[in-house]
Structures are given as structure tokens and as C-alpha cells.
Amino acid sequence: MLPVGLAAVSAVAVAAYMLKSQGGSDRGATTELMALLAFLFGTLSALGYVIPAATFTVVATLLLSIREPLHRLAESIQEDEIYAILKFGVVSVIVLPLLPNRVFGPLKVLNPRLIWWVVVLISALSMVGYGLMRFLGAKQRELL
């Protein structure tokens, strides 16, 4: 029944989006996406995963409540910043898990995963610092 229900909700969401887009309004697909997510969160809850379902629901509601500031933030991000975020993702999510977690070297002190954790930490601190300078620094200039 789950695949049939998901297909039905997806079909209704796609039909609603198609009707909305033919009307000439460019309002996005938030409502349709939330309909799919509500079905999935309800399914998680019905399967006994109440805590994850509740957590995802709260996070989705939080994201919906700050939708306008998120849109402004997304519009202000430049292309090179997107590439920097993607590179950080590659460094932390793809490369790090691939590195062996054992010691090497003549004195058995070099652990590639621990060394890469330092790279990830420095990259994350650099990215946070850049973000704070970019967004909080702009507010400081407005105050002057």
C-alpha cells in the first residue's frame, strides 16, 4: 500500500504544480513538496519511527517559517561561494570516510583520517569566519 499511496500523493502534487504553473504564477513548489513530506513523515510515524518523524516535521516547519530569509540568503550567495561550499562537502563527506583510520610512518604517528580531520576543521572554521564576515560585516558597514 505504501508505494500506491506515495504514487497517488505524487500524482496529485505534480498535477497541482502543473495547474499552478499554467496559471502563470511562479510561486515555486513548496506546497507540493510539503504534501509529499507530510505523507512520508506520516508513514514513518505509522511504521513506529515516531521520534524521527517528529524531528523531521519540526525541522521542515522551522525551514518553512524562515523561508523568506532563506530566499534572500540564497539570492545573495555568489557562484564562487557555492563552489567553495561544494568543495568543503567533498573534503568532509566524500574524502574523509575513504581515508584509512590506522597509523603509518616510521614512528607509527601518522593517521591519515586524523590528519584529514584537521583539514576539515580548518576548512570549517575558515568557512564560518568568511560567512560571519560577509553577513555580519555588511551589517556593521550599514551602521556606520
N, C-alpha and C. Protein backbone atom coordinates (compact mmCIF):
# COMPACT_ATOMS: atom_id res chain seq x y z
N MET A 1 0.81 -1.19 0.00
CA MET A 1 0.00 0.00 0.00
C MET A 1 0.85 1.26 0.00
N LEU A 2 2.03 1.18 0.61
CA LEU A 2 2.88 2.36 0.69
C LEU A 2 3.27 2.89 -0.69
N PRO A 3 3.74 2.06 -1.62
CA PRO A 3 4.06 2.59 -2.94
C PRO A 3 2.85 3.18 -3.66
N VAL A 4 1.69 2.57 -3.48
CA VAL A 4 0.47 3.08 -4.12
C VAL A 4 0.11 4.45 -3.53
N GLY A 5 0.19 4.58 -2.22
CA GLY A 5 -0.11 5.86 -1.57
C GLY A 5 0.87 6.93 -1.99
N LEU A 6 2.16 6.58 -2.04
CA LEU A 6 3.17 7.54 -2.46
C LEU A 6 2.95 7.96 -3.90
N ALA A 7 2.62 7.02 -4.77
CA ALA A 7 2.34 7.35 -6.17
C ALA A 7 1.13 8.26 -6.28
N ALA A 8 0.10 8.01 -5.48
CA ALA A 8 -1.11 8.84 -5.53
C ALA A 8 -0.82 10.25 -5.05
N VAL A 9 -0.12 10.39 -3.95
CA VAL A 9 0.22 11.72 -3.43
C VAL A 9 1.13 12.44 -4.42
N SER A 10 2.09 11.73 -5.00
CA SER A 10 2.98 12.33 -6.00
C SER A 10 2.20 12.80 -7.22
N ALA A 11 1.25 11.99 -7.67
CA ALA A 11 0.45 12.37 -8.84
C ALA A 11 -0.38 13.62 -8.56
N VAL A 12 -0.97 13.70 -7.39
CA VAL A 12 -1.74 14.88 -7.03
C VAL A 12 -0.83 16.11 -6.92
N ALA A 13 0.36 15.94 -6.34
CA ALA A 13 1.29 17.06 -6.20
C ALA A 13 1.76 17.55 -7.57
N VAL A 14 2.08 16.62 -8.47
CA VAL A 14 2.52 17.01 -9.82
C VAL A 14 1.38 17.69 -10.57
N ALA A 15 0.16 17.17 -10.45
CA ALA A 15 -0.99 17.79 -11.12
C ALA A 15 -1.23 19.20 -10.58
N ALA A 16 -1.14 19.37 -9.28
CA ALA A 16 -1.34 20.70 -8.69
C ALA A 16 -0.26 21.66 -9.17
N TYR A 17 0.97 21.19 -9.24
CA TYR A 17 2.06 22.05 -9.71
C TYR A 17 1.85 22.43 -11.17
N MET A 18 1.44 21.47 -11.98
CA MET A 18 1.21 21.75 -13.41
C MET A 18 0.09 22.78 -13.57
N LEU A 19 -0.99 22.63 -12.83
CA LEU A 19 -2.09 23.59 -12.91
C LEU A 19 -1.65 24.98 -12.45
N LYS A 20 -0.86 25.01 -11.40
CA LYS A 20 -0.38 26.29 -10.88
C LYS A 20 0.57 26.97 -11.86
N SER A 21 1.44 26.18 -12.50
CA SER A 21 2.41 26.77 -13.43
C SER A 21 1.74 27.23 -14.72
N GLN A 22 0.63 26.61 -15.11
CA GLN A 22 -0.10 27.05 -16.31
C GLN A 22 -0.81 28.37 -16.05
N GLY A 23 -1.11 28.66 -14.81
CA GLY A 23 -1.77 29.91 -14.46
C GLY A 23 -0.83 31.09 -14.50
N GLY A 24 0.45 30.85 -14.74
CA GLY A 24 1.41 31.93 -14.88
C GLY A 24 2.05 32.37 -13.57
N SER A 25 1.67 31.77 -12.47
CA SER A 25 2.28 32.16 -11.21
C SER A 25 3.58 31.38 -11.01
N ASP A 26 4.59 32.09 -10.57
CA ASP A 26 5.90 31.47 -10.33
C ASP A 26 6.14 31.46 -8.82
N ARG A 27 5.39 30.63 -8.13
CA ARG A 27 5.45 30.63 -6.68
C ARG A 27 6.25 29.46 -6.14
N GLY A 28 6.82 28.63 -6.99
CA GLY A 28 7.60 27.50 -6.52
C GLY A 28 6.74 26.28 -6.24
N ALA A 29 7.36 25.29 -5.66
CA ALA A 29 6.68 24.02 -5.43
C ALA A 29 6.69 23.65 -3.95
N THR A 30 6.67 24.65 -3.08
CA THR A 30 6.75 24.38 -1.64
C THR A 30 5.56 23.57 -1.15
N THR A 31 4.36 23.95 -1.56
CA THR A 31 3.16 23.24 -1.10
C THR A 31 3.18 21.79 -1.54
N GLU A 32 3.56 21.55 -2.78
CA GLU A 32 3.57 20.19 -3.30
C GLU A 32 4.64 19.36 -2.59
N LEU A 33 5.80 19.95 -2.36
CA LEU A 33 6.86 19.24 -1.65
C LEU A 33 6.43 18.91 -0.23
N MET A 34 5.78 19.84 0.43
CA MET A 34 5.34 19.60 1.80
C MET A 34 4.26 18.52 1.85
N ALA A 35 3.44 18.43 0.81
CA ALA A 35 2.44 17.34 0.76
C ALA A 35 3.14 15.98 0.72
N LEU A 36 4.20 15.88 -0.09
CA LEU A 36 4.96 14.63 -0.14
C LEU A 36 5.64 14.34 1.19
N LEU A 37 6.24 15.39 1.78
CA LEU A 37 6.91 15.19 3.06
C LEU A 37 5.93 14.80 4.15
N ALA A 38 4.73 15.39 4.16
CA ALA A 38 3.72 15.03 5.16
C ALA A 38 3.35 13.55 5.03
N PHE A 39 3.22 13.08 3.80
CA PHE A 39 2.93 11.66 3.59
C PHE A 39 4.08 10.80 4.12
N LEU A 40 5.31 11.18 3.79
CA LEU A 40 6.47 10.39 4.24
C LEU A 40 6.62 10.42 5.76
N PHE A 41 6.41 11.59 6.38
CA PHE A 41 6.53 11.67 7.83
C PHE A 41 5.42 10.87 8.51
N GLY A 42 4.23 10.91 7.94
CA GLY A 42 3.13 10.09 8.47
C GLY A 42 3.43 8.61 8.35
N THR A 43 4.05 8.24 7.23
CA THR A 43 4.43 6.84 7.03
C THR A 43 5.47 6.41 8.06
N LEU A 44 6.47 7.27 8.29
CA LEU A 44 7.47 6.95 9.32
C LEU A 44 6.81 6.75 10.68
N SER A 45 5.88 7.63 11.00
CA SER A 45 5.18 7.53 12.27
C SER A 45 4.37 6.23 12.36
N ALA A 46 3.68 5.88 11.28
CA ALA A 46 2.87 4.66 11.27
C ALA A 46 3.75 3.42 11.38
N LEU A 47 4.97 3.49 10.88
CA LEU A 47 5.88 2.34 10.96
C LEU A 47 6.60 2.25 12.31
N GLY A 48 6.30 3.19 13.20
CA GLY A 48 6.89 3.14 14.53
C GLY A 48 8.09 4.05 14.74
N TYR A 49 8.47 4.79 13.73
CA TYR A 49 9.59 5.72 13.85
C TYR A 49 9.05 7.10 14.22
N VAL A 50 8.45 7.20 15.40
CA VAL A 50 7.78 8.43 15.81
C VAL A 50 8.77 9.55 16.07
N ILE A 51 9.87 9.27 16.74
CA ILE A 51 10.85 10.31 17.08
C ILE A 51 11.47 10.90 15.81
N PRO A 52 11.98 10.07 14.86
CA PRO A 52 12.49 10.68 13.62
C PRO A 52 11.41 11.45 12.85
N ALA A 53 10.19 10.93 12.82
CA ALA A 53 9.12 11.63 12.11
C ALA A 53 8.84 12.98 12.75
N ALA A 54 8.80 13.02 14.06
CA ALA A 54 8.56 14.28 14.76
C ALA A 54 9.73 15.25 14.55
N THR A 55 10.94 14.73 14.58
CA THR A 55 12.12 15.57 14.36
C THR A 55 12.10 16.17 12.97
N PHE A 56 11.86 15.35 11.95
CA PHE A 56 11.80 15.85 10.58
C PHE A 56 10.68 16.86 10.41
N THR A 57 9.56 16.63 11.07
CA THR A 57 8.44 17.55 10.98
C THR A 57 8.79 18.91 11.58
N VAL A 58 9.45 18.90 12.72
CA VAL A 58 9.85 20.15 13.36
C VAL A 58 10.86 20.90 12.48
N VAL A 59 11.82 20.18 11.92
CA VAL A 59 12.82 20.82 11.05
C VAL A 59 12.15 21.40 9.80
N ALA A 60 11.24 20.66 9.19
CA ALA A 60 10.53 21.16 8.00
C ALA A 60 9.71 22.39 8.34
N THR A 61 9.05 22.37 9.49
CA THR A 61 8.26 23.53 9.92
C THR A 61 9.16 24.73 10.18
N LEU A 62 10.31 24.50 10.80
CA LEU A 62 11.26 25.59 11.03
C LEU A 62 11.72 26.19 9.72
N LEU A 63 12.08 25.34 8.76
CA LEU A 63 12.52 25.83 7.45
C LEU A 63 11.41 26.61 6.74
N LEU A 64 10.18 26.16 6.88
CA LEU A 64 9.07 26.91 6.28
C LEU A 64 8.86 28.25 6.96
N SER A 65 9.08 28.31 8.26
CA SER A 65 8.87 29.56 8.97
C SER A 65 9.93 30.61 8.65
N ILE A 66 11.10 30.18 8.22
CA ILE A 66 12.16 31.14 7.87
C ILE A 66 12.42 31.12 6.36
N ARG A 67 11.39 30.84 5.60
CA ARG A 67 11.53 30.71 4.15
C ARG A 67 12.00 32.00 3.48
N GLU A 68 11.42 33.13 3.84
CA GLU A 68 11.80 34.40 3.21
C GLU A 68 13.26 34.76 3.47
N PRO A 69 13.74 34.70 4.73
CA PRO A 69 15.17 34.97 4.93
C PRO A 69 16.07 33.99 4.19
N LEU A 70 15.63 32.73 4.08
CA LEU A 70 16.42 31.75 3.33
C LEU A 70 16.48 32.10 1.84
N HIS A 71 15.36 32.60 1.30
CA HIS A 71 15.36 33.03 -0.10
C HIS A 71 16.32 34.20 -0.31
N ARG A 72 16.31 35.15 0.60
CA ARG A 72 17.23 36.30 0.49
C ARG A 72 18.68 35.83 0.59
N LEU A 73 18.93 34.90 1.50
CA LEU A 73 20.28 34.36 1.64
C LEU A 73 20.72 33.65 0.38
N ALA A 74 19.84 32.83 -0.18
CA ALA A 74 20.17 32.09 -1.40
C ALA A 74 20.44 33.03 -2.57
N GLU A 75 19.70 34.13 -2.64
CA GLU A 75 19.91 35.09 -3.73
C GLU A 75 21.21 35.86 -3.57
N SER A 76 21.69 35.99 -2.33
CA SER A 76 22.91 36.77 -2.10
C SER A 76 24.18 35.94 -2.26
N ILE A 77 24.06 34.61 -2.31
CA ILE A 77 25.24 33.75 -2.45
C ILE A 77 25.73 33.80 -3.89
N GLN A 78 27.02 34.03 -4.03
CA GLN A 78 27.63 34.12 -5.35
C GLN A 78 28.10 32.74 -5.81
N GLU A 79 28.40 32.65 -7.10
CA GLU A 79 28.78 31.36 -7.70
C GLU A 79 30.04 30.78 -7.07
N ASP A 80 31.05 31.60 -6.83
CA ASP A 80 32.29 31.09 -6.25
C ASP A 80 32.07 30.61 -4.81
N GLU A 81 31.10 31.19 -4.11
CA GLU A 81 30.79 30.72 -2.76
C GLU A 81 30.11 29.35 -2.80
N ILE A 82 29.28 29.14 -3.79
CA ILE A 82 28.65 27.82 -3.95
C ILE A 82 29.71 26.77 -4.22
N TYR A 83 30.69 27.10 -5.07
CA TYR A 83 31.76 26.15 -5.35
C TYR A 83 32.58 25.87 -4.09
N ALA A 84 32.82 26.88 -3.27
CA ALA A 84 33.56 26.68 -2.03
C ALA A 84 32.79 25.75 -1.09
N ILE A 85 31.48 25.92 -1.01
CA ILE A 85 30.66 25.05 -0.16
C ILE A 85 30.69 23.62 -0.67
N LEU A 86 30.62 23.45 -2.00
CA LEU A 86 30.68 22.12 -2.58
C LEU A 86 32.04 21.47 -2.35
N LYS A 87 33.11 22.25 -2.45
CA LYS A 87 34.44 21.70 -2.18
C LYS A 87 34.57 21.26 -0.73
N PHE A 88 34.00 22.04 0.18
CA PHE A 88 34.01 21.64 1.58
C PHE A 88 33.23 20.34 1.76
N GLY A 89 32.11 20.21 1.06
CA GLY A 89 31.35 18.97 1.12
C GLY A 89 32.16 17.78 0.63
N VAL A 90 32.91 17.96 -0.43
CA VAL A 90 33.75 16.87 -0.95
C VAL A 90 34.82 16.51 0.07
N VAL A 91 35.46 17.53 0.65
CA VAL A 91 36.52 17.30 1.63
C VAL A 91 36.00 16.55 2.85
N SER A 92 34.82 16.94 3.32
CA SER A 92 34.34 16.38 4.58
C SER A 92 33.45 15.14 4.43
N VAL A 93 32.70 15.04 3.34
CA VAL A 93 31.73 13.95 3.23
C VAL A 93 32.23 12.82 2.33
N ILE A 94 33.05 13.13 1.35
CA ILE A 94 33.50 12.10 0.42
C ILE A 94 34.90 11.61 0.75
N VAL A 95 35.85 12.55 0.91
CA VAL A 95 37.25 12.14 1.12
C VAL A 95 37.47 11.55 2.51
N LEU A 96 36.95 12.21 3.54
CA LEU A 96 37.21 11.77 4.91
C LEU A 96 36.84 10.31 5.17
N PRO A 97 35.65 9.84 4.79
CA PRO A 97 35.33 8.43 5.06
C PRO A 97 36.18 7.43 4.28
N LEU A 98 36.80 7.87 3.19
CA LEU A 98 37.61 6.96 2.39
C LEU A 98 39.01 6.74 2.96
N LEU A 99 39.46 7.62 3.83
CA LEU A 99 40.81 7.52 4.36
C LEU A 99 40.90 6.43 5.42
N PRO A 100 42.02 5.70 5.44
CA PRO A 100 42.18 4.65 6.45
C PRO A 100 42.37 5.25 7.84
N ASN A 101 41.83 4.56 8.82
CA ASN A 101 41.93 5.01 10.20
C ASN A 101 42.93 4.14 10.95
N ARG A 102 44.17 4.17 10.48
CA ARG A 102 45.24 3.43 11.14
C ARG A 102 46.53 4.22 11.00
N VAL A 103 47.50 3.89 11.83
CA VAL A 103 48.74 4.66 11.86
C VAL A 103 49.73 4.15 10.84
N PHE A 104 50.51 5.09 10.32
CA PHE A 104 51.58 4.80 9.36
C PHE A 104 52.84 5.52 9.80
N GLY A 105 53.89 5.33 9.04
CA GLY A 105 55.12 6.08 9.26
C GLY A 105 56.12 5.33 10.09
N PRO A 106 57.32 5.89 10.15
CA PRO A 106 58.39 5.20 10.87
C PRO A 106 58.13 5.09 12.37
N LEU A 107 57.49 6.06 12.96
CA LEU A 107 57.21 6.01 14.40
C LEU A 107 55.75 5.69 14.69
N LYS A 108 55.02 5.30 13.65
CA LYS A 108 53.59 4.97 13.79
C LYS A 108 52.80 6.13 14.41
N VAL A 109 53.02 7.35 13.87
CA VAL A 109 52.33 8.52 14.41
C VAL A 109 51.43 9.20 13.38
N LEU A 110 51.46 8.78 12.13
CA LEU A 110 50.67 9.44 11.09
C LEU A 110 49.39 8.64 10.83
N ASN A 111 48.26 9.24 11.16
CA ASN A 111 46.97 8.64 10.90
C ASN A 111 46.26 9.51 9.86
N PRO A 112 46.10 9.00 8.62
CA PRO A 112 45.52 9.84 7.56
C PRO A 112 44.15 10.41 7.91
N ARG A 113 43.31 9.64 8.59
CA ARG A 113 41.98 10.16 8.92
C ARG A 113 42.07 11.30 9.94
N LEU A 114 42.91 11.17 10.94
CA LEU A 114 43.05 12.24 11.92
C LEU A 114 43.65 13.49 11.29
N ILE A 115 44.61 13.30 10.42
CA ILE A 115 45.19 14.46 9.71
C ILE A 115 44.12 15.15 8.87
N TRP A 116 43.30 14.36 8.20
CA TRP A 116 42.25 14.96 7.36
C TRP A 116 41.19 15.63 8.21
N TRP A 117 40.94 15.12 9.43
CA TRP A 117 40.01 15.80 10.33
C TRP A 117 40.50 17.22 10.63
N VAL A 118 41.80 17.39 10.74
CA VAL A 118 42.35 18.73 10.95
C VAL A 118 42.07 19.60 9.73
N VAL A 119 42.21 19.04 8.53
CA VAL A 119 41.90 19.77 7.31
C VAL A 119 40.42 20.18 7.30
N VAL A 120 39.55 19.26 7.66
CA VAL A 120 38.11 19.55 7.70
C VAL A 120 37.82 20.63 8.74
N LEU A 121 38.42 20.54 9.91
CA LEU A 121 38.20 21.52 10.97
C LEU A 121 38.66 22.92 10.53
N ILE A 122 39.84 23.00 9.95
CA ILE A 122 40.35 24.30 9.50
C ILE A 122 39.48 24.85 8.38
N SER A 123 39.06 24.00 7.48
CA SER A 123 38.17 24.44 6.39
C SER A 123 36.84 24.94 6.94
N ALA A 124 36.29 24.23 7.92
CA ALA A 124 35.02 24.63 8.51
C ALA A 124 35.16 25.96 9.24
N LEU A 125 36.22 26.13 10.00
CA LEU A 125 36.44 27.40 10.69
C LEU A 125 36.62 28.54 9.70
N SER A 126 37.33 28.29 8.64
CA SER A 126 37.52 29.30 7.61
C SER A 126 36.20 29.68 6.97
N MET A 127 35.37 28.69 6.68
CA MET A 127 34.07 28.95 6.05
C MET A 127 33.15 29.72 7.00
N VAL A 128 33.13 29.34 8.26
CA VAL A 128 32.31 30.06 9.24
C VAL A 128 32.79 31.49 9.39
N GLY A 129 34.09 31.68 9.46
CA GLY A 129 34.65 33.03 9.55
C GLY A 129 34.30 33.88 8.34
N TYR A 130 34.40 33.30 7.16
CA TYR A 130 34.03 34.02 5.94
C TYR A 130 32.56 34.40 5.96
N GLY A 131 31.71 33.44 6.37
CA GLY A 131 30.28 33.72 6.42
C GLY A 131 29.96 34.83 7.41
N LEU A 132 30.59 34.80 8.58
CA LEU A 132 30.36 35.86 9.56
C LEU A 132 30.83 37.21 9.05
N MET A 133 31.98 37.23 8.41
CA MET A 133 32.48 38.49 7.85
C MET A 133 31.57 39.00 6.74
N ARG A 134 31.09 38.10 5.93
CA ARG A 134 30.27 38.50 4.79
C ARG A 134 28.92 39.04 5.23
N PHE A 135 28.28 38.35 6.16
CA PHE A 135 26.92 38.74 6.53
C PHE A 135 26.88 39.69 7.72
N LEU A 136 27.69 39.47 8.72
CA LEU A 136 27.71 40.40 9.85
C LEU A 136 28.53 41.64 9.53
N GLY A 137 29.55 41.46 8.70
CA GLY A 137 30.36 42.62 8.30
C GLY A 137 29.54 43.61 7.49
N ALA A 138 28.63 43.12 6.68
CA ALA A 138 27.77 44.01 5.89
C ALA A 138 26.86 44.81 6.81
N LYS A 139 26.39 44.21 7.88
CA LYS A 139 25.55 44.94 8.82
C LYS A 139 26.35 45.99 9.56
N GLN A 140 27.60 45.70 9.86
CA GLN A 140 28.45 46.69 10.52
C GLN A 140 28.66 47.90 9.61
N ARG A 141 28.86 47.67 8.31
CA ARG A 141 29.03 48.78 7.37
C ARG A 141 27.76 49.63 7.28
N GLU A 142 26.59 48.98 7.41
CA GLU A 142 25.34 49.74 7.33
C GLU A 142 25.18 50.64 8.54
N LEU A 143 25.71 50.22 9.69
CA LEU A 143 25.58 51.02 10.90
C LEU A 143 26.47 52.25 10.85
N LEU A 144 27.56 52.19 10.11
CA LEU A 144 28.49 53.33 10.06
C LEU A 144 28.00 54.44 9.23
